[in-house]
């Protein structure tokens, strides 16, 4: 989803951690949705 992707990019930009795998953000978003 574009919204989730946008949020993921926003979080990555805020934390400035490009080394962190995007999978962690995906799991984080899924955790919030659940």
PDB file of N, CA and C in Angstrom:
ATOM      1  N   UNK A   1       0.838  -1.199   0.000  1.00  0.00           N
ATOM      2  CA  UNK A   1       0.000   0.000   0.000  1.00  0.00           C
ATOM      3  C   UNK A   1       0.876   1.253   0.000  1.00  0.00           C
ATOM      4  N   UNK A   2       0.450   2.253  -0.741  1.00  0.00           N
ATOM      5  CA  UNK A   2       1.232   3.480  -0.835  1.00  0.00           C
ATOM      6  C   UNK A   2       1.330   4.177   0.515  1.00  0.00           C
ATOM      7  N   UNK A   3       0.246   4.133   1.286  1.00  0.00           N
ATOM      8  CA  UNK A   3       0.242   4.799   2.591  1.00  0.00           C
ATOM      9  C   UNK A   3       1.288   4.179   3.503  1.00  0.00           C
ATOM     10  N   UNK A   4       1.331   2.853   3.526  1.00  0.00           N
ATOM     11  CA  UNK A   4       2.308   2.155   4.368  1.00  0.00           C
ATOM     12  C   UNK A   4       3.719   2.480   3.908  1.00  0.00           C
ATOM     13  N   UNK A   5       3.918   2.516   2.591  1.00  0.00           N
ATOM     14  CA  UNK A   5       5.238   2.818   2.045  1.00  0.00           C
ATOM     15  C   UNK A   5       5.655   4.230   2.432  1.00  0.00           C
ATOM     16  N   UNK A   6       4.706   5.158   2.377  1.00  0.00           N
ATOM     17  CA  UNK A   6       4.995   6.545   2.734  1.00  0.00           C
ATOM     18  C   UNK A   6       5.375   6.634   4.207  1.00  0.00           C
ATOM     19  N   UNK A   7       4.642   5.930   5.054  1.00  0.00           N
ATOM     20  CA  UNK A   7       4.936   5.942   6.489  1.00  0.00           C
ATOM     21  C   UNK A   7       6.302   5.324   6.747  1.00  0.00           C
ATOM     22  N   UNK A   8       6.606   4.256   6.023  1.00  0.00           N
ATOM     23  CA  UNK A   8       7.901   3.591   6.189  1.00  0.00           C
ATOM     24  C   UNK A   8       9.028   4.546   5.839  1.00  0.00           C
ATOM     25  N   UNK A   9       8.880   5.278   4.731  1.00  0.00           N
ATOM     26  CA  UNK A   9       9.905   6.234   4.315  1.00  0.00           C
ATOM     27  C   UNK A   9      10.016   7.362   5.327  1.00  0.00           C
ATOM     28  N   UNK A  10       8.875   7.784   5.876  1.00  0.00           N
ATOM     29  CA  UNK A  10       8.868   8.867   6.855  1.00  0.00           C
ATOM     30  C   UNK A  10       9.612   8.433   8.110  1.00  0.00           C
ATOM     31  N   UNK A  11       9.331   7.212   8.568  1.00  0.00           N
ATOM     32  CA  UNK A  11       9.999   6.700   9.766  1.00  0.00           C
ATOM     33  C   UNK A  11      11.498   6.568   9.513  1.00  0.00           C
ATOM     34  N   UNK A  12      11.860   6.060   8.342  1.00  0.00           N
ATOM     35  CA  UNK A  12      13.270   5.885   8.005  1.00  0.00           C
ATOM     36  C   UNK A  12      13.970   7.239   7.976  1.00  0.00           C
ATOM     37  N   UNK A  13      13.275   8.260   7.477  1.00  0.00           N
ATOM     38  CA  UNK A  13      13.852   9.600   7.408  1.00  0.00           C
ATOM     39  C   UNK A  13      14.025  10.196   8.795  1.00  0.00           C
ATOM     40  N   UNK A  14      13.066   9.939   9.681  1.00  0.00           N
ATOM     41  CA  UNK A  14      13.127  10.482  11.034  1.00  0.00           C
ATOM     42  C   UNK A  14      14.271   9.854  11.828  1.00  0.00           C
ATOM     43  N   UNK A  15      14.409   8.535  11.702  1.00  0.00           N
ATOM     44  CA  UNK A  15      15.454   7.843  12.465  1.00  0.00           C
ATOM     45  C   UNK A  15      16.812   7.917  11.767  1.00  0.00           C
ATOM     46  N   UNK A  16      16.790   8.209  10.441  1.00  0.00           N
ATOM     47  CA  UNK A  16      18.035   8.300   9.683  1.00  0.00           C
ATOM     48  C   UNK A  16      18.852   7.018   9.830  1.00  0.00           C
ATOM     49  N   UNK A  17      18.176   5.874   9.680  1.00  0.00           N
ATOM     50  CA  UNK A  17      18.891   4.599   9.790  1.00  0.00           C
ATOM     51  C   UNK A  17      18.702   3.777   8.520  1.00  0.00           C
ATOM     52  N   UNK A  18      19.417   4.138   7.447  1.00  0.00           N
ATOM     53  CA  UNK A  18      19.297   3.421   6.176  1.00  0.00           C
ATOM     54  C   UNK A  18      19.815   1.986   6.284  1.00  0.00           C
ATOM     55  N   UNK A  19      20.606   1.714   7.329  1.00  0.00           N
ATOM     56  CA  UNK A  19      21.161   0.375   7.493  1.00  0.00           C
ATOM     57  C   UNK A  19      20.120  -0.598   8.023  1.00  0.00           C
ATOM     58  N   UNK A  20      19.060  -0.050   8.609  1.00  0.00           N
ATOM     59  CA  UNK A  20      18.016  -0.921   9.156  1.00  0.00           C
ATOM     60  C   UNK A  20      17.189  -1.513   8.017  1.00  0.00           C
ATOM     61  N   UNK A  21      17.047  -2.837   7.994  1.00  0.00           N
ATOM     62  CA  UNK A  21      16.276  -3.502   6.936  1.00  0.00           C
ATOM     63  C   UNK A  21      14.838  -3.007   6.899  1.00  0.00           C
ATOM     64  N   UNK A  22      14.287  -2.872   5.701  1.00  0.00           N
ATOM     65  CA  UNK A  22      12.899  -2.413   5.573  1.00  0.00           C
ATOM     66  C   UNK A  22      11.938  -3.434   6.165  1.00  0.00           C
ATOM     67  N   UNK A  23      12.398  -4.683   6.280  1.00  0.00           N
ATOM     68  CA  UNK A  23      11.542  -5.738   6.831  1.00  0.00           C
ATOM     69  C   UNK A  23      11.116  -5.395   8.247  1.00  0.00           C
ATOM     70  N   UNK A  24      12.025  -4.765   9.007  1.00  0.00           N
ATOM     71  CA  UNK A  24      11.696  -4.396  10.386  1.00  0.00           C
ATOM     72  C   UNK A  24      10.555  -3.394  10.394  1.00  0.00           C
ATOM     73  N   UNK A  25      10.583  -2.453   9.443  1.00  0.00           N
ATOM     74  CA  UNK A  25       9.516  -1.451   9.371  1.00  0.00           C
ATOM     75  C   UNK A  25       8.201  -2.112   8.974  1.00  0.00           C
ATOM     76  N   UNK A  26       8.294  -3.077   8.061  1.00  0.00           N
ATOM     77  CA  UNK A  26       7.079  -3.780   7.634  1.00  0.00           C
ATOM     78  C   UNK A  26       6.476  -4.529   8.815  1.00  0.00           C
ATOM     79  N   UNK A  27       7.315  -5.212   9.584  1.00  0.00           N
ATOM     80  CA  UNK A  27       6.824  -5.947  10.754  1.00  0.00           C
ATOM     81  C   UNK A  27       6.258  -4.971  11.770  1.00  0.00           C
ATOM     82  N   UNK A  28       6.904  -3.807  11.888  1.00  0.00           N
ATOM     83  CA  UNK A  28       6.441  -2.794  12.837  1.00  0.00           C
ATOM     84  C   UNK A  28       5.058  -2.292  12.442  1.00  0.00           C
ATOM     85  N   UNK A  29       4.864  -2.067  11.135  1.00  0.00           N
ATOM     86  CA  UNK A  29       3.559  -1.602  10.654  1.00  0.00           C
ATOM     87  C   UNK A  29       2.505  -2.680  10.857  1.00  0.00           C
ATOM     88  N   UNK A  30       2.861  -3.923  10.587  1.00  0.00           N
ATOM     89  CA  UNK A  30       1.914  -5.031  10.765  1.00  0.00           C
ATOM     90  C   UNK A  30       1.534  -5.145  12.232  1.00  0.00           C
ATOM     91  N   UNK A  31       2.513  -4.936  13.107  1.00  0.00           N
ATOM     92  CA  UNK A  31       2.248  -5.018  14.553  1.00  0.00           C
ATOM     93  C   UNK A  31       1.240  -3.956  14.968  1.00  0.00           C
ATOM     94  N   UNK A  32       1.363  -2.763  14.386  1.00  0.00           N
ATOM     95  CA  UNK A  32       0.432  -1.673  14.706  1.00  0.00           C
ATOM     96  C   UNK A  32      -0.966  -2.016  14.188  1.00  0.00           C
ATOM     97  N   UNK A  33      -1.031  -2.528  12.945  1.00  0.00           N
ATOM     98  CA  UNK A  33      -2.327  -2.875  12.360  1.00  0.00           C
ATOM     99  C   UNK A  33      -2.999  -3.971  13.172  1.00  0.00           C
ATOM    100  N   UNK A  34      -2.207  -4.883  13.713  1.00  0.00           N
ATOM    101  CA  UNK A  34      -2.768  -5.977  14.512  1.00  0.00           C
ATOM    102  C   UNK A  34      -2.959  -5.488  15.943  1.00  0.00           C
TER     103      UNK A  34
END
